[in-house]
Amino acid sequence: MNRIFGVFMVIILGLIFNVFGNELKEGRFLFQEKCKSCHPLSKPLQQTNNLEEWKAITSEMSKTSEGVIQDSEAELIAKYLNSLNISKQ
């Protein structure tokens, strides 16, 4: 029984990491492609905001970018930028 539970947990954790990994890859791509249309990419990379702050910033960017960044894309970009900050801590 414990062995089955262990295998089940490994599968679940693998799926979770795969989903988050794909989100971060997509967020990185969107950041590189969308954000450079308004400002240098170095500007946000110099900031150290938490996830909620990144969400507020990217949400505002989606409103002021005249359709360049969609709301769903802003969320992924925020998660990507936040992941960079986690690695700096």
C-alpha atoms as a PDB file:
ATOM      1  CA  MET A   1       0.000   0.000   0.000  1.00  0.00           C
ATOM      2  CA  ASN A   2       2.798   2.441   0.892  1.00  0.00           C
ATOM      3  CA  ARG A   3       4.552   1.660  -2.386  1.00  0.00           C
ATOM      4  CA  ILE A   4       1.427   2.503  -4.391  1.00  0.00           C
ATOM      5  CA  PHE A   5       1.056   5.750  -2.454  1.00  0.00           C
ATOM      6  CA  GLY A   6       4.715   6.601  -3.130  1.00  0.00           C
ATOM      7  CA  VAL A   7       4.338   5.986  -6.867  1.00  0.00           C
ATOM      8  CA  PHE A   8       1.142   8.034  -6.897  1.00  0.00           C
ATOM      9  CA  MET A   9       2.889  10.965  -5.155  1.00  0.00           C
ATOM     10  CA  VAL A  10       5.797  10.872  -7.619  1.00  0.00           C
ATOM     11  CA  ILE A  11       3.360  11.037 -10.532  1.00  0.00           C
ATOM     12  CA  ILE A  12       1.389  13.904  -8.976  1.00  0.00           C
ATOM     13  CA  LEU A  13       4.543  15.901  -8.162  1.00  0.00           C
ATOM     14  CA  GLY A  14       5.850  15.342 -11.683  1.00  0.00           C
ATOM     15  CA  LEU A  15       2.627  16.685 -13.158  1.00  0.00           C
ATOM     16  CA  ILE A  16       2.703  19.724 -10.877  1.00  0.00           C
ATOM     17  CA  PHE A  17       6.309  20.571 -11.761  1.00  0.00           C
ATOM     18  CA  ASN A  18       5.577  20.082 -15.450  1.00  0.00           C
ATOM     19  CA  VAL A  19       2.619  22.491 -15.346  1.00  0.00           C
ATOM     20  CA  PHE A  20       4.589  25.166 -13.466  1.00  0.00           C
ATOM     21  CA  GLY A  21       7.609  24.642 -15.697  1.00  0.00           C
ATOM     22  CA  ASN A  22       5.496  25.173 -18.798  1.00  0.00           C
ATOM     23  CA  GLU A  23       3.929  28.298 -17.292  1.00  0.00           C
ATOM     24  CA  LEU A  24       7.366  29.751 -16.601  1.00  0.00           C
ATOM     25  CA  LYS A  25       8.606  28.915 -20.105  1.00  0.00           C
ATOM     26  CA  GLU A  26       5.563  30.560 -21.638  1.00  0.00           C
ATOM     27  CA  GLY A  27       5.918  33.552 -19.308  1.00  0.00           C
ATOM     28  CA  ARG A  28       9.568  33.930 -20.308  1.00  0.00           C
ATOM     29  CA  PHE A  29       8.679  33.806 -23.993  1.00  0.00           C
ATOM     30  CA  LEU A  30       5.890  36.367 -23.557  1.00  0.00           C
ATOM     31  CA  PHE A  31       8.156  38.639 -21.515  1.00  0.00           C
ATOM     32  CA  GLN A  32      10.856  38.536 -24.181  1.00  0.00           C
ATOM     33  CA  GLU A  33       8.444  39.081 -27.055  1.00  0.00           C
ATOM     34  CA  LYS A  34       5.844  41.464 -25.628  1.00  0.00           C
ATOM     35  CA  CYS A  35       7.583  43.663 -23.076  1.00  0.00           C
ATOM     36  CA  LYS A  36      10.370  44.820 -25.378  1.00  0.00           C
ATOM     37  CA  SER A  37       7.835  46.626 -27.549  1.00  0.00           C
ATOM     38  CA  CYS A  38       7.473  49.328 -24.848  1.00  0.00           C
ATOM     39  CA  HIS A  39      10.723  49.336 -22.837  1.00  0.00           C
ATOM     40  CA  PRO A  40      14.124  47.661 -22.519  1.00  0.00           C
ATOM     41  CA  LEU A  41      13.909  44.207 -20.941  1.00  0.00           C
ATOM     42  CA  SER A  42      16.599  45.228 -18.473  1.00  0.00           C
ATOM     43  CA  LYS A  43      14.171  47.598 -16.726  1.00  0.00           C
ATOM     44  CA  PRO A  44      11.954  44.941 -15.068  1.00  0.00           C
ATOM     45  CA  LEU A  45      14.916  42.611 -14.575  1.00  0.00           C
ATOM     46  CA  GLN A  46      16.471  45.169 -12.220  1.00  0.00           C
ATOM     47  CA  GLN A  47      13.399  45.173  -9.967  1.00  0.00           C
ATOM     48  CA  THR A  48      12.759  42.844  -7.047  1.00  0.00           C
ATOM     49  CA  ASN A  49       8.996  42.718  -6.563  1.00  0.00           C
ATOM     50  CA  ASN A  50       6.900  39.979  -5.031  1.00  0.00           C
ATOM     51  CA  LEU A  51       4.227  38.123  -7.010  1.00  0.00           C
ATOM     52  CA  GLU A  52       1.378  40.453  -6.053  1.00  0.00           C
ATOM     53  CA  GLU A  53       3.442  43.483  -7.060  1.00  0.00           C
ATOM     54  CA  TRP A  54       4.364  41.868 -10.379  1.00  0.00           C
ATOM     55  CA  LYS A  55       0.706  41.054 -10.995  1.00  0.00           C
ATOM     56  CA  ALA A  56      -0.258  44.682 -10.386  1.00  0.00           C
ATOM     57  CA  ILE A  57       2.531  45.943 -12.654  1.00  0.00           C
ATOM     58  CA  THR A  58       1.831  43.530 -15.506  1.00  0.00           C
ATOM     59  CA  SER A  59      -1.915  44.123 -15.204  1.00  0.00           C
ATOM     60  CA  GLU A  60      -1.295  47.845 -15.590  1.00  0.00           C
ATOM     61  CA  MET A  61       1.006  47.167 -18.549  1.00  0.00           C
ATOM     62  CA  SER A  62      -1.714  45.101 -20.213  1.00  0.00           C
ATOM     63  CA  LYS A  63      -4.107  48.052 -19.881  1.00  0.00           C
ATOM     64  CA  THR A  64      -1.650  50.624 -21.230  1.00  0.00           C
ATOM     65  CA  SER A  65      -0.073  48.484 -23.964  1.00  0.00           C
ATOM     66  CA  GLU A  66      -3.007  48.927 -26.356  1.00  0.00           C
ATOM     67  CA  GLY A  67      -3.573  45.206 -26.840  1.00  0.00           C
ATOM     68  CA  VAL A  68       0.061  44.112 -26.929  1.00  0.00           C
ATOM     69  CA  ILE A  69      -0.312  42.171 -23.666  1.00  0.00           C
ATOM     70  CA  GLN A  70      -3.522  40.299 -22.871  1.00  0.00           C
ATOM     71  CA  ASP A  71      -4.651  39.813 -19.244  1.00  0.00           C
ATOM     72  CA  SER A  72      -3.869  36.078 -19.323  1.00  0.00           C
ATOM     73  CA  GLU A  73      -0.411  36.834 -20.692  1.00  0.00           C
ATOM     74  CA  ALA A  74       0.192  39.430 -17.968  1.00  0.00           C
ATOM     75  CA  GLU A  75      -0.406  36.740 -15.340  1.00  0.00           C
ATOM     76  CA  LEU A  76       2.168  34.424 -16.920  1.00  0.00           C
ATOM     77  CA  ILE A  77       4.702  37.237 -17.263  1.00  0.00           C
ATOM     78  CA  ALA A  78       4.206  38.125 -13.576  1.00  0.00           C
ATOM     79  CA  LYS A  79       4.831  34.521 -12.527  1.00  0.00           C
ATOM     80  CA  TYR A  80       7.978  34.379 -14.656  1.00  0.00           C
ATOM     81  CA  LEU A  81       9.367  37.650 -13.258  1.00  0.00           C
ATOM     82  CA  ASN A  82       8.558  36.521  -9.727  1.00  0.00           C
ATOM     83  CA  SER A  83      10.454  33.260 -10.313  1.00  0.00           C
ATOM     84  CA  LEU A  84      13.540  35.334 -11.122  1.00  0.00           C
ATOM     85  CA  ASN A  85      13.212  37.183  -7.830  1.00  0.00           C
ATOM     86  CA  ILE A  86      12.956  33.944  -5.875  1.00  0.00           C
ATOM     87  CA  SER A  87      16.287  32.833  -7.290  1.00  0.00           C
ATOM     88  CA  LYS A  88      17.895  36.146  -6.172  1.00  0.00           C
ATOM     89  CA  GLN A  89      16.927  35.633  -2.524  1.00  0.00           C
END
